[in-house]
PDB file of N, CA and C in Angstrom:
ATOM      1  N   UNK A   1     -23.206   5.688  -9.296  1.00  0.00           N
ATOM      2  CA  UNK A   1     -22.416   5.416  -8.121  1.00  0.00           C
ATOM      3  C   UNK A   1     -21.959   3.960  -8.088  1.00  0.00           C
ATOM      4  N   UNK A   2     -22.813   3.027  -8.481  1.00  0.00           N
ATOM      5  CA  UNK A   2     -22.444   1.618  -8.494  1.00  0.00           C
ATOM      6  C   UNK A   2     -21.263   1.338  -9.398  1.00  0.00           C
ATOM      7  N   UNK A   3     -21.184   2.046 -10.498  1.00  0.00           N
ATOM      8  CA  UNK A   3     -20.082   1.891 -11.447  1.00  0.00           C
ATOM      9  C   UNK A   3     -18.754   2.226 -10.769  1.00  0.00           C
ATOM     10  N   UNK A   4     -18.713   3.312 -10.025  1.00  0.00           N
ATOM     11  CA  UNK A   4     -17.483   3.724  -9.351  1.00  0.00           C
ATOM     12  C   UNK A   4     -17.145   2.768  -8.221  1.00  0.00           C
ATOM     13  N   UNK A   5     -18.134   2.302  -7.497  1.00  0.00           N
ATOM     14  CA  UNK A   5     -17.899   1.350  -6.403  1.00  0.00           C
ATOM     15  C   UNK A   5     -17.281   0.067  -6.956  1.00  0.00           C
ATOM     16  N   UNK A   6     -17.804  -0.420  -8.078  1.00  0.00           N
ATOM     17  CA  UNK A   6     -17.234  -1.617  -8.718  1.00  0.00           C
ATOM     18  C   UNK A   6     -15.806  -1.354  -9.187  1.00  0.00           C
ATOM     19  N   UNK A   7     -15.567  -0.193  -9.752  1.00  0.00           N
ATOM     20  CA  UNK A   7     -14.221   0.157 -10.215  1.00  0.00           C
ATOM     21  C   UNK A   7     -13.243   0.197  -9.043  1.00  0.00           C
ATOM     22  N   UNK A   8     -13.676   0.769  -7.940  1.00  0.00           N
ATOM     23  CA  UNK A   8     -12.816   0.829  -6.753  1.00  0.00           C
ATOM     24  C   UNK A   8     -12.475  -0.581  -6.284  1.00  0.00           C
ATOM     25  N   UNK A   9     -13.459  -1.454  -6.230  1.00  0.00           N
ATOM     26  CA  UNK A   9     -13.216  -2.836  -5.790  1.00  0.00           C
ATOM     27  C   UNK A   9     -12.202  -3.533  -6.695  1.00  0.00           C
ATOM     28  N   UNK A  10     -12.332  -3.361  -8.006  1.00  0.00           N
ATOM     29  CA  UNK A  10     -11.381  -3.958  -8.954  1.00  0.00           C
ATOM     30  C   UNK A  10      -9.979  -3.406  -8.740  1.00  0.00           C
ATOM     31  N   UNK A  11      -9.889  -2.094  -8.583  1.00  0.00           N
ATOM     32  CA  UNK A  11      -8.581  -1.463  -8.417  1.00  0.00           C
ATOM     33  C   UNK A  11      -7.941  -1.852  -7.087  1.00  0.00           C
ATOM     34  N   UNK A  12      -8.748  -1.997  -6.042  1.00  0.00           N
ATOM     35  CA  UNK A  12      -8.218  -2.448  -4.761  1.00  0.00           C
ATOM     36  C   UNK A  12      -7.726  -3.887  -4.843  1.00  0.00           C
ATOM     37  N   UNK A  13      -8.434  -4.712  -5.606  1.00  0.00           N
ATOM     38  CA  UNK A  13      -8.001  -6.102  -5.790  1.00  0.00           C
ATOM     39  C   UNK A  13      -6.644  -6.146  -6.496  1.00  0.00           C
ATOM     40  N   UNK A  14      -6.479  -5.348  -7.539  1.00  0.00           N
ATOM     41  CA  UNK A  14      -5.206  -5.307  -8.260  1.00  0.00           C
ATOM     42  C   UNK A  14      -4.105  -4.753  -7.366  1.00  0.00           C
ATOM     43  N   UNK A  15      -4.386  -3.727  -6.575  1.00  0.00           N
ATOM     44  CA  UNK A  15      -3.405  -3.182  -5.639  1.00  0.00           C
ATOM     45  C   UNK A  15      -2.958  -4.248  -4.646  1.00  0.00           C
ATOM     46  N   UNK A  16      -3.901  -4.968  -4.080  1.00  0.00           N
ATOM     47  CA  UNK A  16      -3.567  -6.009  -3.104  1.00  0.00           C
ATOM     48  C   UNK A  16      -2.708  -7.094  -3.737  1.00  0.00           C
ATOM     49  N   UNK A  17      -3.032  -7.482  -4.973  1.00  0.00           N
ATOM     50  CA  UNK A  17      -2.234  -8.497  -5.661  1.00  0.00           C
ATOM     51  C   UNK A  17      -0.808  -7.989  -5.859  1.00  0.00           C
ATOM     52  N   UNK A  18      -0.674  -6.751  -6.298  1.00  0.00           N
ATOM     53  CA  UNK A  18       0.662  -6.166  -6.516  1.00  0.00           C
ATOM     54  C   UNK A  18       1.469  -6.145  -5.222  1.00  0.00           C
ATOM     55  N   UNK A  19       0.831  -5.777  -4.133  1.00  0.00           N
ATOM     56  CA  UNK A  19       1.525  -5.730  -2.848  1.00  0.00           C
ATOM     57  C   UNK A  19       1.956  -7.121  -2.394  1.00  0.00           C
ATOM     58  N   UNK A  20       1.080  -8.102  -2.562  1.00  0.00           N
ATOM     59  CA  UNK A  20       1.442  -9.479  -2.182  1.00  0.00           C
ATOM     60  C   UNK A  20       2.538 -10.021  -3.095  1.00  0.00           C
ATOM     61  N   UNK A  21       2.465  -9.689  -4.381  1.00  0.00           N
ATOM     62  CA  UNK A  21       3.499 -10.149  -5.323  1.00  0.00           C
ATOM     63  C   UNK A  21       4.850  -9.565  -4.953  1.00  0.00           C
ATOM     64  N   UNK A  22       4.868  -8.284  -4.574  1.00  0.00           N
ATOM     65  CA  UNK A  22       6.116  -7.632  -4.190  1.00  0.00           C
ATOM     66  C   UNK A  22       6.699  -8.278  -2.936  1.00  0.00           C
ATOM     67  N   UNK A  23       5.830  -8.656  -2.005  1.00  0.00           N
ATOM     68  CA  UNK A  23       6.290  -9.303  -0.776  1.00  0.00           C
ATOM     69  C   UNK A  23       6.829 -10.700  -1.067  1.00  0.00           C
ATOM     70  N   UNK A  24       6.132 -11.435  -1.914  1.00  0.00           N
ATOM     71  CA  UNK A  24       6.544 -12.811  -2.201  1.00  0.00           C
ATOM     72  C   UNK A  24       7.767 -12.877  -3.106  1.00  0.00           C
ATOM     73  N   UNK A  25       7.875 -11.964  -4.062  1.00  0.00           N
ATOM     74  CA  UNK A  25       8.969 -11.981  -5.046  1.00  0.00           C
ATOM     75  C   UNK A  25       9.744 -10.674  -4.948  1.00  0.00           C
ATOM     76  N   UNK A  26      10.647 -10.609  -4.006  1.00  0.00           N
ATOM     77  CA  UNK A  26      11.416  -9.386  -3.778  1.00  0.00           C
ATOM     78  C   UNK A  26      12.221  -8.964  -5.011  1.00  0.00           C
ATOM     79  N   UNK A  27      12.542  -9.901  -5.875  1.00  0.00           N
ATOM     80  CA  UNK A  27      13.287  -9.570  -7.092  1.00  0.00           C
ATOM     81  C   UNK A  27      12.462  -8.687  -8.034  1.00  0.00           C
ATOM     82  N   UNK A  28      11.156  -8.659  -7.841  1.00  0.00           N
ATOM     83  CA  UNK A  28      10.274  -7.839  -8.686  1.00  0.00           C
ATOM     84  C   UNK A  28      10.040  -6.442  -8.118  1.00  0.00           C
ATOM     85  N   UNK A  29      10.652  -6.115  -7.001  1.00  0.00           N
ATOM     86  CA  UNK A  29      10.376  -4.842  -6.330  1.00  0.00           C
ATOM     87  C   UNK A  29      10.572  -3.647  -7.258  1.00  0.00           C
ATOM     88  N   UNK A  30      11.651  -3.613  -7.994  1.00  0.00           N
ATOM     89  CA  UNK A  30      11.913  -2.485  -8.890  1.00  0.00           C
ATOM     90  C   UNK A  30      10.825  -2.341  -9.935  1.00  0.00           C
ATOM     91  N   UNK A  31      10.335  -3.450 -10.423  1.00  0.00           N
ATOM     92  CA  UNK A  31       9.289  -3.436 -11.437  1.00  0.00           C
ATOM     93  C   UNK A  31       7.911  -3.142 -10.835  1.00  0.00           C
ATOM     94  N   UNK A  32       7.661  -3.626  -9.633  1.00  0.00           N
ATOM     95  CA  UNK A  32       6.326  -3.491  -9.047  1.00  0.00           C
ATOM     96  C   UNK A  32       6.111  -2.196  -8.261  1.00  0.00           C
ATOM     97  N   UNK A  33       7.170  -1.586  -7.749  1.00  0.00           N
ATOM     98  CA  UNK A  33       6.997  -0.362  -6.959  1.00  0.00           C
ATOM     99  C   UNK A  33       6.241   0.728  -7.722  1.00  0.00           C
ATOM    100  N   UNK A  34       6.594   1.026  -8.981  1.00  0.00           N
ATOM    101  CA  UNK A  34       5.824   2.047  -9.700  1.00  0.00           C
ATOM    102  C   UNK A  34       4.369   1.636  -9.915  1.00  0.00           C
ATOM    103  N   UNK A  35       4.130   0.357 -10.137  1.00  0.00           N
ATOM    104  CA  UNK A  35       2.765  -0.134 -10.333  1.00  0.00           C
ATOM    105  C   UNK A  35       1.954   0.014  -9.046  1.00  0.00           C
ATOM    106  N   UNK A  36       2.552  -0.310  -7.910  1.00  0.00           N
ATOM    107  CA  UNK A  36       1.869  -0.147  -6.624  1.00  0.00           C
ATOM    108  C   UNK A  36       1.507   1.323  -6.418  1.00  0.00           C
ATOM    109  N   UNK A  37       2.433   2.210  -6.744  1.00  0.00           N
ATOM    110  CA  UNK A  37       2.158   3.638  -6.617  1.00  0.00           C
ATOM    111  C   UNK A  37       1.009   4.092  -7.498  1.00  0.00           C
ATOM    112  N   UNK A  38       0.992   3.626  -8.744  1.00  0.00           N
ATOM    113  CA  UNK A  38      -0.109   3.980  -9.652  1.00  0.00           C
ATOM    114  C   UNK A  38      -1.434   3.426  -9.145  1.00  0.00           C
ATOM    115  N   UNK A  39      -1.417   2.194  -8.658  1.00  0.00           N
ATOM    116  CA  UNK A  39      -2.655   1.592  -8.151  1.00  0.00           C
ATOM    117  C   UNK A  39      -3.186   2.368  -6.955  1.00  0.00           C
ATOM    118  N   UNK A  40      -2.295   2.784  -6.075  1.00  0.00           N
ATOM    119  CA  UNK A  40      -2.741   3.587  -4.929  1.00  0.00           C
ATOM    120  C   UNK A  40      -3.404   4.876  -5.406  1.00  0.00           C
ATOM    121  N   UNK A  41      -2.811   5.514  -6.412  1.00  0.00           N
ATOM    122  CA  UNK A  41      -3.399   6.749  -6.950  1.00  0.00           C
ATOM    123  C   UNK A  41      -4.751   6.468  -7.599  1.00  0.00           C
ATOM    124  N   UNK A  42      -4.867   5.349  -8.320  1.00  0.00           N
ATOM    125  CA  UNK A  42      -6.153   4.998  -8.940  1.00  0.00           C
ATOM    126  C   UNK A  42      -7.234   4.881  -7.877  1.00  0.00           C
ATOM    127  N   UNK A  43      -6.928   4.138  -6.815  1.00  0.00           N
ATOM    128  CA  UNK A  43      -7.910   3.943  -5.741  1.00  0.00           C
ATOM    129  C   UNK A  43      -8.248   5.291  -5.111  1.00  0.00           C
ATOM    130  N   UNK A  44      -7.237   6.118  -4.868  1.00  0.00           N
ATOM    131  CA  UNK A  44      -7.465   7.413  -4.225  1.00  0.00           C
ATOM    132  C   UNK A  44      -8.369   8.309  -5.065  1.00  0.00           C
ATOM    133  N   UNK A  45      -8.092   8.421  -6.373  1.00  0.00           N
ATOM    134  CA  UNK A  45      -8.915   9.318  -7.196  1.00  0.00           C
ATOM    135  C   UNK A  45     -10.321   8.763  -7.387  1.00  0.00           C
ATOM    136  N   UNK A  46     -10.450   7.455  -7.502  1.00  0.00           N
ATOM    137  CA  UNK A  46     -11.784   6.880  -7.619  1.00  0.00           C
ATOM    138  C   UNK A  46     -12.571   7.063  -6.326  1.00  0.00           C
ATOM    139  N   UNK A  47     -11.907   6.881  -5.193  1.00  0.00           N
ATOM    140  CA  UNK A  47     -12.580   7.110  -3.910  1.00  0.00           C
ATOM    141  C   UNK A  47     -12.959   8.582  -3.773  1.00  0.00           C
ATOM    142  N   UNK A  48     -12.123   9.459  -4.314  1.00  0.00           N
ATOM    143  CA  UNK A  48     -12.424  10.882  -4.273  1.00  0.00           C
ATOM    144  C   UNK A  48     -13.687  11.233  -5.050  1.00  0.00           C
ATOM    145  N   UNK A  49     -14.027  10.397  -6.026  1.00  0.00           N
ATOM    146  CA  UNK A  49     -15.252  10.616  -6.798  1.00  0.00           C
ATOM    147  C   UNK A  49     -16.490  10.300  -5.969  1.00  0.00           C
ATOM    148  N   UNK A  50     -16.298   9.574  -4.879  1.00  0.00           N
ATOM    149  CA  UNK A  50     -17.400   9.240  -3.964  1.00  0.00           C
ATOM    150  C   UNK A  50     -17.011   9.716  -2.569  1.00  0.00           C
ATOM    151  N   UNK A  51     -17.420  10.877  -2.216  1.00  0.00           N
ATOM    152  CA  UNK A  51     -16.989  11.480  -0.952  1.00  0.00           C
ATOM    153  C   UNK A  51     -17.467  10.728   0.286  1.00  0.00           C
ATOM    154  N   UNK A  52     -18.474   9.872   0.141  1.00  0.00           N
ATOM    155  CA  UNK A  52     -18.992   9.170   1.316  1.00  0.00           C
ATOM    156  C   UNK A  52     -18.277   7.850   1.601  1.00  0.00           C
ATOM    157  N   UNK A  53     -17.293   7.484   0.775  1.00  0.00           N
ATOM    158  CA  UNK A  53     -16.540   6.261   1.037  1.00  0.00           C
ATOM    159  C   UNK A  53     -15.301   6.589   1.858  1.00  0.00           C
ATOM    160  N   UNK A  54     -15.043   5.783   2.852  1.00  0.00           N
ATOM    161  CA  UNK A  54     -13.863   5.965   3.683  1.00  0.00           C
ATOM    162  C   UNK A  54     -12.799   4.975   3.231  1.00  0.00           C
ATOM    163  N   UNK A  55     -11.521   5.398   3.258  1.00  0.00           N
ATOM    164  CA  UNK A  55     -10.459   4.481   2.837  1.00  0.00           C
ATOM    165  C   UNK A  55     -10.471   3.205   3.663  1.00  0.00           C
ATOM    166  N   UNK A  56     -10.163   2.123   3.010  1.00  0.00           N
ATOM    167  CA  UNK A  56     -10.019   0.863   3.723  1.00  0.00           C
ATOM    168  C   UNK A  56      -8.800   0.159   3.140  1.00  0.00           C
ATOM    169  N   UNK A  57      -8.185  -0.707   3.911  1.00  0.00           N
ATOM    170  CA  UNK A  57      -7.001  -1.385   3.393  1.00  0.00           C
ATOM    171  C   UNK A  57      -7.347  -2.257   2.192  1.00  0.00           C
ATOM    172  N   UNK A  58      -6.429  -2.303   1.260  1.00  0.00           N
ATOM    173  CA  UNK A  58      -6.626  -3.123   0.066  1.00  0.00           C
ATOM    174  C   UNK A  58      -6.559  -4.595   0.454  1.00  0.00           C
ATOM    175  N   UNK A  59      -7.547  -5.342   0.011  1.00  0.00           N
ATOM    176  CA  UNK A  59      -7.568  -6.776   0.243  1.00  0.00           C
ATOM    177  C   UNK A  59      -7.968  -7.447  -1.060  1.00  0.00           C
ATOM    178  N   UNK A  60      -7.623  -8.657  -1.192  1.00  0.00           N
ATOM    179  CA  UNK A  60      -7.994  -9.383  -2.389  1.00  0.00           C
ATOM    180  C   UNK A  60      -7.845 -10.864  -2.147  1.00  0.00           C
ATOM    181  N   UNK A  61      -8.457 -11.641  -2.996  1.00  0.00           N
ATOM    182  CA  UNK A  61      -8.431 -13.075  -2.774  1.00  0.00           C
ATOM    183  C   UNK A  61      -7.458 -13.803  -3.686  1.00  0.00           C
ATOM    184  N   UNK A  62      -6.974 -13.132  -4.732  1.00  0.00           N
ATOM    185  CA  UNK A  62      -6.090 -13.801  -5.685  1.00  0.00           C
ATOM    186  C   UNK A  62      -4.735 -14.079  -5.043  1.00  0.00           C
ATOM    187  N   UNK A  63      -4.343 -15.366  -5.015  1.00  0.00           N
ATOM    188  CA  UNK A  63      -3.052 -15.731  -4.481  1.00  0.00           C
ATOM    189  C   UNK A  63      -1.945 -15.409  -5.474  1.00  0.00           C
ATOM    190  N   UNK A  64      -0.745 -15.240  -4.964  1.00  0.00           N
ATOM    191  CA  UNK A  64       0.405 -14.954  -5.803  1.00  0.00           C
ATOM    192  C   UNK A  64       1.087 -16.273  -6.144  1.00  0.00           C
ATOM    193  N   UNK A  65       1.264 -16.555  -7.441  1.00  0.00           N
ATOM    194  CA  UNK A  65       1.930 -17.796  -7.836  1.00  0.00           C
ATOM    195  C   UNK A  65       3.363 -17.882  -7.303  1.00  0.00           C
ATOM    196  N   UNK A  66       3.876 -19.094  -7.202  1.00  0.00           N
ATOM    197  CA  UNK A  66       5.216 -19.312  -6.682  1.00  0.00           C
ATOM    198  C   UNK A  66       6.305 -18.824  -7.636  1.00  0.00           C
ATOM    199  N   UNK A  67       6.063 -18.899  -8.929  1.00  0.00           N
ATOM    200  CA  UNK A  67       7.102 -18.485  -9.880  1.00  0.00           C
ATOM    201  C   UNK A  67       6.908 -17.039 -10.296  1.00  0.00           C
ATOM    202  N   UNK A  68       8.018 -16.385 -10.584  1.00  0.00           N
ATOM    203  CA  UNK A  68       7.984 -14.992 -11.021  1.00  0.00           C
ATOM    204  C   UNK A  68       7.256 -14.869 -12.352  1.00  0.00           C
ATOM    205  N   UNK A  69       7.511 -15.781 -13.287  1.00  0.00           N
ATOM    206  CA  UNK A  69       6.862 -15.722 -14.597  1.00  0.00           C
ATOM    207  C   UNK A  69       5.346 -15.826 -14.450  1.00  0.00           C
ATOM    208  N   UNK A  70       4.886 -16.768 -13.634  1.00  0.00           N
ATOM    209  CA  UNK A  70       3.447 -16.932 -13.423  1.00  0.00           C
ATOM    210  C   UNK A  70       2.855 -15.711 -12.724  1.00  0.00           C
ATOM    211  N   UNK A  71       3.604 -15.109 -11.813  1.00  0.00           N
ATOM    212  CA  UNK A  71       3.148 -13.893 -11.133  1.00  0.00           C
ATOM    213  C   UNK A  71       2.970 -12.758 -12.131  1.00  0.00           C
ATOM    214  N   UNK A  72       3.958 -12.566 -13.010  1.00  0.00           N
ATOM    215  CA  UNK A  72       3.860 -11.503 -14.015  1.00  0.00           C
ATOM    216  C   UNK A  72       2.707 -11.761 -14.985  1.00  0.00           C
ATOM    217  N   UNK A  73       2.482 -13.025 -15.322  1.00  0.00           N
ATOM    218  CA  UNK A  73       1.360 -13.375 -16.196  1.00  0.00           C
ATOM    219  C   UNK A  73       0.033 -13.043 -15.506  1.00  0.00           C
ATOM    220  N   UNK A  74      -0.098 -13.385 -14.230  1.00  0.00           N
ATOM    221  CA  UNK A  74      -1.315 -13.068 -13.482  1.00  0.00           C
ATOM    222  C   UNK A  74      -1.510 -11.563 -13.381  1.00  0.00           C
ATOM    223  N   UNK A  75      -0.444 -10.858 -13.137  1.00  0.00           N
ATOM    224  CA  UNK A  75      -0.521  -9.403 -13.034  1.00  0.00           C
ATOM    225  C   UNK A  75      -0.946  -8.785 -14.362  1.00  0.00           C
ATOM    226  N   UNK A  76      -0.399  -9.314 -15.455  1.00  0.00           N
ATOM    227  CA  UNK A  76      -0.787  -8.818 -16.784  1.00  0.00           C
ATOM    228  C   UNK A  76      -2.266  -9.080 -17.047  1.00  0.00           C
ATOM    229  N   UNK A  77      -2.748 -10.258 -16.687  1.00  0.00           N
ATOM    230  CA  UNK A  77      -4.166 -10.592 -16.903  1.00  0.00           C
ATOM    231  C   UNK A  77      -5.094  -9.707 -16.066  1.00  0.00           C
ATOM    232  N   UNK A  78      -4.735  -9.472 -14.808  1.00  0.00           N
ATOM    233  CA  UNK A  78      -5.538  -8.586 -13.967  1.00  0.00           C
ATOM    234  C   UNK A  78      -5.556  -7.165 -14.534  1.00  0.00           C
ATOM    235  N   UNK A  79      -4.407  -6.713 -15.009  1.00  0.00           N
ATOM    236  CA  UNK A  79      -4.322  -5.372 -15.595  1.00  0.00           C
ATOM    237  C   UNK A  79      -5.135  -5.281 -16.877  1.00  0.00           C
ATOM    238  N   UNK A  80      -5.082  -6.321 -17.701  1.00  0.00           N
ATOM    239  CA  UNK A  80      -5.894  -6.350 -18.928  1.00  0.00           C
ATOM    240  C   UNK A  80      -7.377  -6.295 -18.594  1.00  0.00           C
ATOM    241  N   UNK A  81      -7.779  -7.085 -17.612  1.00  0.00           N
ATOM    242  CA  UNK A  81      -9.179  -7.119 -17.203  1.00  0.00           C
ATOM    243  C   UNK A  81      -9.634  -5.733 -16.732  1.00  0.00           C
ATOM    244  N   UNK A  82      -8.819  -5.102 -15.879  1.00  0.00           N
ATOM    245  CA  UNK A  82      -9.198  -3.792 -15.375  1.00  0.00           C
ATOM    246  C   UNK A  82      -9.181  -2.739 -16.473  1.00  0.00           C
ATOM    247  N   UNK A  83      -8.253  -2.830 -17.411  1.00  0.00           N
ATOM    248  CA  UNK A  83      -8.232  -1.879 -18.535  1.00  0.00           C
ATOM    249  C   UNK A  83      -9.522  -1.995 -19.338  1.00  0.00           C
ATOM    250  N   UNK A  84      -9.925  -3.222 -19.634  1.00  0.00           N
ATOM    251  CA  UNK A  84     -11.159  -3.437 -20.399  1.00  0.00           C
ATOM    252  C   UNK A  84     -12.382  -2.930 -19.638  1.00  0.00           C
ATOM    253  N   UNK A  85     -12.451  -3.238 -18.358  1.00  0.00           N
ATOM    254  CA  UNK A  85     -13.603  -2.795 -17.560  1.00  0.00           C
ATOM    255  C   UNK A  85     -13.678  -1.269 -17.497  1.00  0.00           C
ATOM    256  N   UNK A  86     -12.546  -0.614 -17.204  1.00  0.00           N
ATOM    257  CA  UNK A  86     -12.575   0.852 -17.107  1.00  0.00           C
ATOM    258  C   UNK A  86     -12.924   1.488 -18.448  1.00  0.00           C
ATOM    259  N   UNK A  87     -12.456   0.893 -19.547  1.00  0.00           N
ATOM    260  CA  UNK A  87     -12.773   1.422 -20.879  1.00  0.00           C
ATOM    261  C   UNK A  87     -14.278   1.346 -21.139  1.00  0.00           C
ATOM    262  N   UNK A  88     -14.887   0.222 -20.806  1.00  0.00           N
ATOM    263  CA  UNK A  88     -16.332   0.086 -21.000  1.00  0.00           C
ATOM    264  C   UNK A  88     -17.115   0.991 -20.052  1.00  0.00           C
ATOM    265  N   UNK A  89     -16.632   1.123 -18.832  1.00  0.00           N
ATOM    266  CA  UNK A  89     -17.320   1.969 -17.866  1.00  0.00           C
ATOM    267  C   UNK A  89     -17.277   3.445 -18.258  1.00  0.00           C
ATOM    268  N   UNK A  90     -16.186   3.860 -18.892  1.00  0.00           N
ATOM    269  CA  UNK A  90     -16.121   5.279 -19.272  1.00  0.00           C
ATOM    270  C   UNK A  90     -17.205   5.614 -20.291  1.00  0.00           C
ATOM    271  N   UNK A  91     -17.615   4.639 -21.086  1.00  0.00           N
ATOM    272  CA  UNK A  91     -18.699   4.870 -22.045  1.00  0.00           C
ATOM    273  C   UNK A  91     -20.060   4.974 -21.363  1.00  0.00           C
ATOM    274  N   UNK A  92     -20.167   4.383 -20.173  1.00  0.00           N
ATOM    275  CA  UNK A  92     -21.428   4.411 -19.434  1.00  0.00           C
ATOM    276  C   UNK A  92     -21.429   5.468 -18.327  1.00  0.00           C
ATOM    277  N   UNK A  93     -20.358   6.229 -18.235  1.00  0.00           N
ATOM    278  CA  UNK A  93     -20.237   7.212 -17.147  1.00  0.00           C
ATOM    279  C   UNK A  93     -21.319   8.283 -17.240  1.00  0.00           C
ATOM    280  N   UNK A  94     -21.697   8.798 -16.080  1.00  0.00           N
ATOM    281  CA  UNK A  94     -22.769   9.797 -16.006  1.00  0.00           C
ATOM    282  C   UNK A  94     -22.279  11.226 -16.223  1.00  0.00           C
ATOM    283  N   UNK A  95     -20.963  11.415 -16.286  1.00  0.00           N
ATOM    284  CA  UNK A  95     -20.430  12.760 -16.514  1.00  0.00           C
ATOM    285  C   UNK A  95     -19.141  12.665 -17.329  1.00  0.00           C
ATOM    286  N   UNK A  96     -18.808  13.750 -17.959  1.00  0.00           N
ATOM    287  CA  UNK A  96     -17.571  13.798 -18.720  1.00  0.00           C
ATOM    288  C   UNK A  96     -16.347  13.655 -17.837  1.00  0.00           C
ATOM    289  N   UNK A  97     -16.412  14.231 -16.648  1.00  0.00           N
ATOM    290  CA  UNK A  97     -15.278  14.143 -15.712  1.00  0.00           C
ATOM    291  C   UNK A  97     -15.027  12.693 -15.304  1.00  0.00           C
ATOM    292  N   UNK A  98     -16.078  11.974 -14.971  1.00  0.00           N
ATOM    293  CA  UNK A  98     -15.937  10.569 -14.585  1.00  0.00           C
ATOM    294  C   UNK A  98     -15.458   9.747 -15.776  1.00  0.00           C
ATOM    295  N   UNK A  99     -15.967  10.014 -16.957  1.00  0.00           N
ATOM    296  CA  UNK A  99     -15.529   9.301 -18.159  1.00  0.00           C
ATOM    297  C   UNK A  99     -14.031   9.501 -18.382  1.00  0.00           C
ATOM    298  N   UNK A 100     -13.554  10.731 -18.223  1.00  0.00           N
ATOM    299  CA  UNK A 100     -12.118  11.007 -18.392  1.00  0.00           C
ATOM    300  C   UNK A 100     -11.296  10.268 -17.347  1.00  0.00           C
ATOM    301  N   UNK A 101     -11.770  10.257 -16.108  1.00  0.00           N
ATOM    302  CA  UNK A 101     -11.064   9.566 -15.036  1.00  0.00           C
ATOM    303  C   UNK A 101     -10.945   8.075 -15.346  1.00  0.00           C
ATOM    304  N   UNK A 102     -12.046   7.455 -15.721  1.00  0.00           N
ATOM    305  CA  UNK A 102     -12.029   6.025 -16.026  1.00  0.00           C
ATOM    306  C   UNK A 102     -11.172   5.723 -17.254  1.00  0.00           C
ATOM    307  N   UNK A 103     -11.230   6.586 -18.250  1.00  0.00           N
ATOM    308  CA  UNK A 103     -10.400   6.400 -19.445  1.00  0.00           C
ATOM    309  C   UNK A 103      -8.924   6.519 -19.090  1.00  0.00           C
ATOM    310  N   UNK A 104      -8.593   7.437 -18.201  1.00  0.00           N
ATOM    311  CA  UNK A 104      -7.206   7.605 -17.770  1.00  0.00           C
ATOM    312  C   UNK A 104      -6.700   6.363 -17.041  1.00  0.00           C
ATOM    313  N   UNK A 105      -7.521   5.813 -16.160  1.00  0.00           N
ATOM    314  CA  UNK A 105      -7.143   4.593 -15.445  1.00  0.00           C
ATOM    315  C   UNK A 105      -6.972   3.443 -16.441  1.00  0.00           C
ATOM    316  N   UNK A 106      -7.869   3.348 -17.411  1.00  0.00           N
ATOM    317  CA  UNK A 106      -7.767   2.313 -18.436  1.00  0.00           C
ATOM    318  C   UNK A 106      -6.459   2.453 -19.220  1.00  0.00           C
ATOM    319  N   UNK A 107      -6.116   3.672 -19.583  1.00  0.00           N
ATOM    320  CA  UNK A 107      -4.877   3.910 -20.325  1.00  0.00           C
ATOM    321  C   UNK A 107      -3.654   3.524 -19.497  1.00  0.00           C
ATOM    322  N   UNK A 108      -3.694   3.815 -18.220  1.00  0.00           N
ATOM    323  CA  UNK A 108      -2.588   3.433 -17.339  1.00  0.00           C
ATOM    324  C   UNK A 108      -2.423   1.917 -17.304  1.00  0.00           C
ATOM    325  N   UNK A 109      -3.548   1.201 -17.217  1.00  0.00           N
ATOM    326  CA  UNK A 109      -3.477  -0.266 -17.223  1.00  0.00           C
ATOM    327  C   UNK A 109      -2.955  -0.778 -18.565  1.00  0.00           C
ATOM    328  N   UNK A 110      -3.359  -0.154 -19.643  1.00  0.00           N
ATOM    329  CA  UNK A 110      -2.876  -0.574 -20.969  1.00  0.00           C
ATOM    330  C   UNK A 110      -1.354  -0.432 -21.047  1.00  0.00           C
ATOM    331  N   UNK A 111      -0.819   0.641 -20.473  1.00  0.00           N
ATOM    332  CA  UNK A 111       0.633   0.818 -20.453  1.00  0.00           C
ATOM    333  C   UNK A 111       1.297  -0.268 -19.612  1.00  0.00           C
ATOM    334  N   UNK A 112       0.675  -0.618 -18.491  1.00  0.00           N
ATOM    335  CA  UNK A 112       1.211  -1.683 -17.650  1.00  0.00           C
ATOM    336  C   UNK A 112       1.236  -3.000 -18.401  1.00  0.00           C
ATOM    337  N   UNK A 113       0.164  -3.316 -19.104  1.00  0.00           N
ATOM    338  CA  UNK A 113       0.089  -4.560 -19.878  1.00  0.00           C
ATOM    339  C   UNK A 113       1.214  -4.604 -20.908  1.00  0.00           C
ATOM    340  N   UNK A 114       1.428  -3.521 -21.624  1.00  0.00           N
ATOM    341  CA  UNK A 114       2.509  -3.473 -22.620  1.00  0.00           C
ATOM    342  C   UNK A 114       3.864  -3.655 -21.971  1.00  0.00           C
ATOM    343  N   UNK A 115       4.068  -3.003 -20.848  1.00  0.00           N
ATOM    344  CA  UNK A 115       5.344  -3.116 -20.141  1.00  0.00           C
ATOM    345  C   UNK A 115       5.600  -4.550 -19.668  1.00  0.00           C
ATOM    346  N   UNK A 116       4.567  -5.171 -19.116  1.00  0.00           N
ATOM    347  CA  UNK A 116       4.731  -6.553 -18.640  1.00  0.00           C
ATOM    348  C   UNK A 116       4.913  -7.525 -19.798  1.00  0.00           C
ATOM    349  N   UNK A 117       4.221  -7.302 -20.896  1.00  0.00           N
ATOM    350  CA  UNK A 117       4.344  -8.195 -22.057  1.00  0.00           C
ATOM    351  C   UNK A 117       5.765  -8.138 -22.630  1.00  0.00           C
ATOM    352  N   UNK A 118       6.371  -6.974 -22.602  1.00  0.00           N
ATOM    353  CA  UNK A 118       7.729  -6.841 -23.169  1.00  0.00           C
ATOM    354  C   UNK A 118       8.777  -7.483 -22.292  1.00  0.00           C
ATOM    355  N   UNK A 119       8.450  -7.791 -21.050  1.00  0.00           N
ATOM    356  CA  UNK A 119       9.423  -8.395 -20.121  1.00  0.00           C
ATOM    357  C   UNK A 119       9.291  -9.895 -20.017  1.00  0.00           C
ATOM    358  N   UNK A 120       8.312 -10.443 -20.707  1.00  0.00           N
ATOM    359  CA  UNK A 120       8.113 -11.902 -20.614  1.00  0.00           C
ATOM    360  C   UNK A 120       8.645 -12.588 -21.840  1.00  0.00           C
TER     361      UNK A 120
END
């Protein structure tokens, strides 16, 4: 259970960063809208793995840089971090279903990292 709780916290942090980045840099809306949608789904499915958790608004402490390039770099780093964490967690998962879920989230982050790297 602790593994999923940590994963949810990481995913909520990334969601909050994406939402703040979209608000601060409106020019990134087209690029960030699909990412925000994926992050919301990640949080939802991970929360679904723990039926006793109630939804809460995404919050995070990472500030959004003033420049678009720095924002995309921060977003790429957060996505890389979460991809690595979910990949390692899937190896420690207590069930095959949870392992698949974490691996899927990791793969989604890996795609985001590639997409962001190609735009910089």
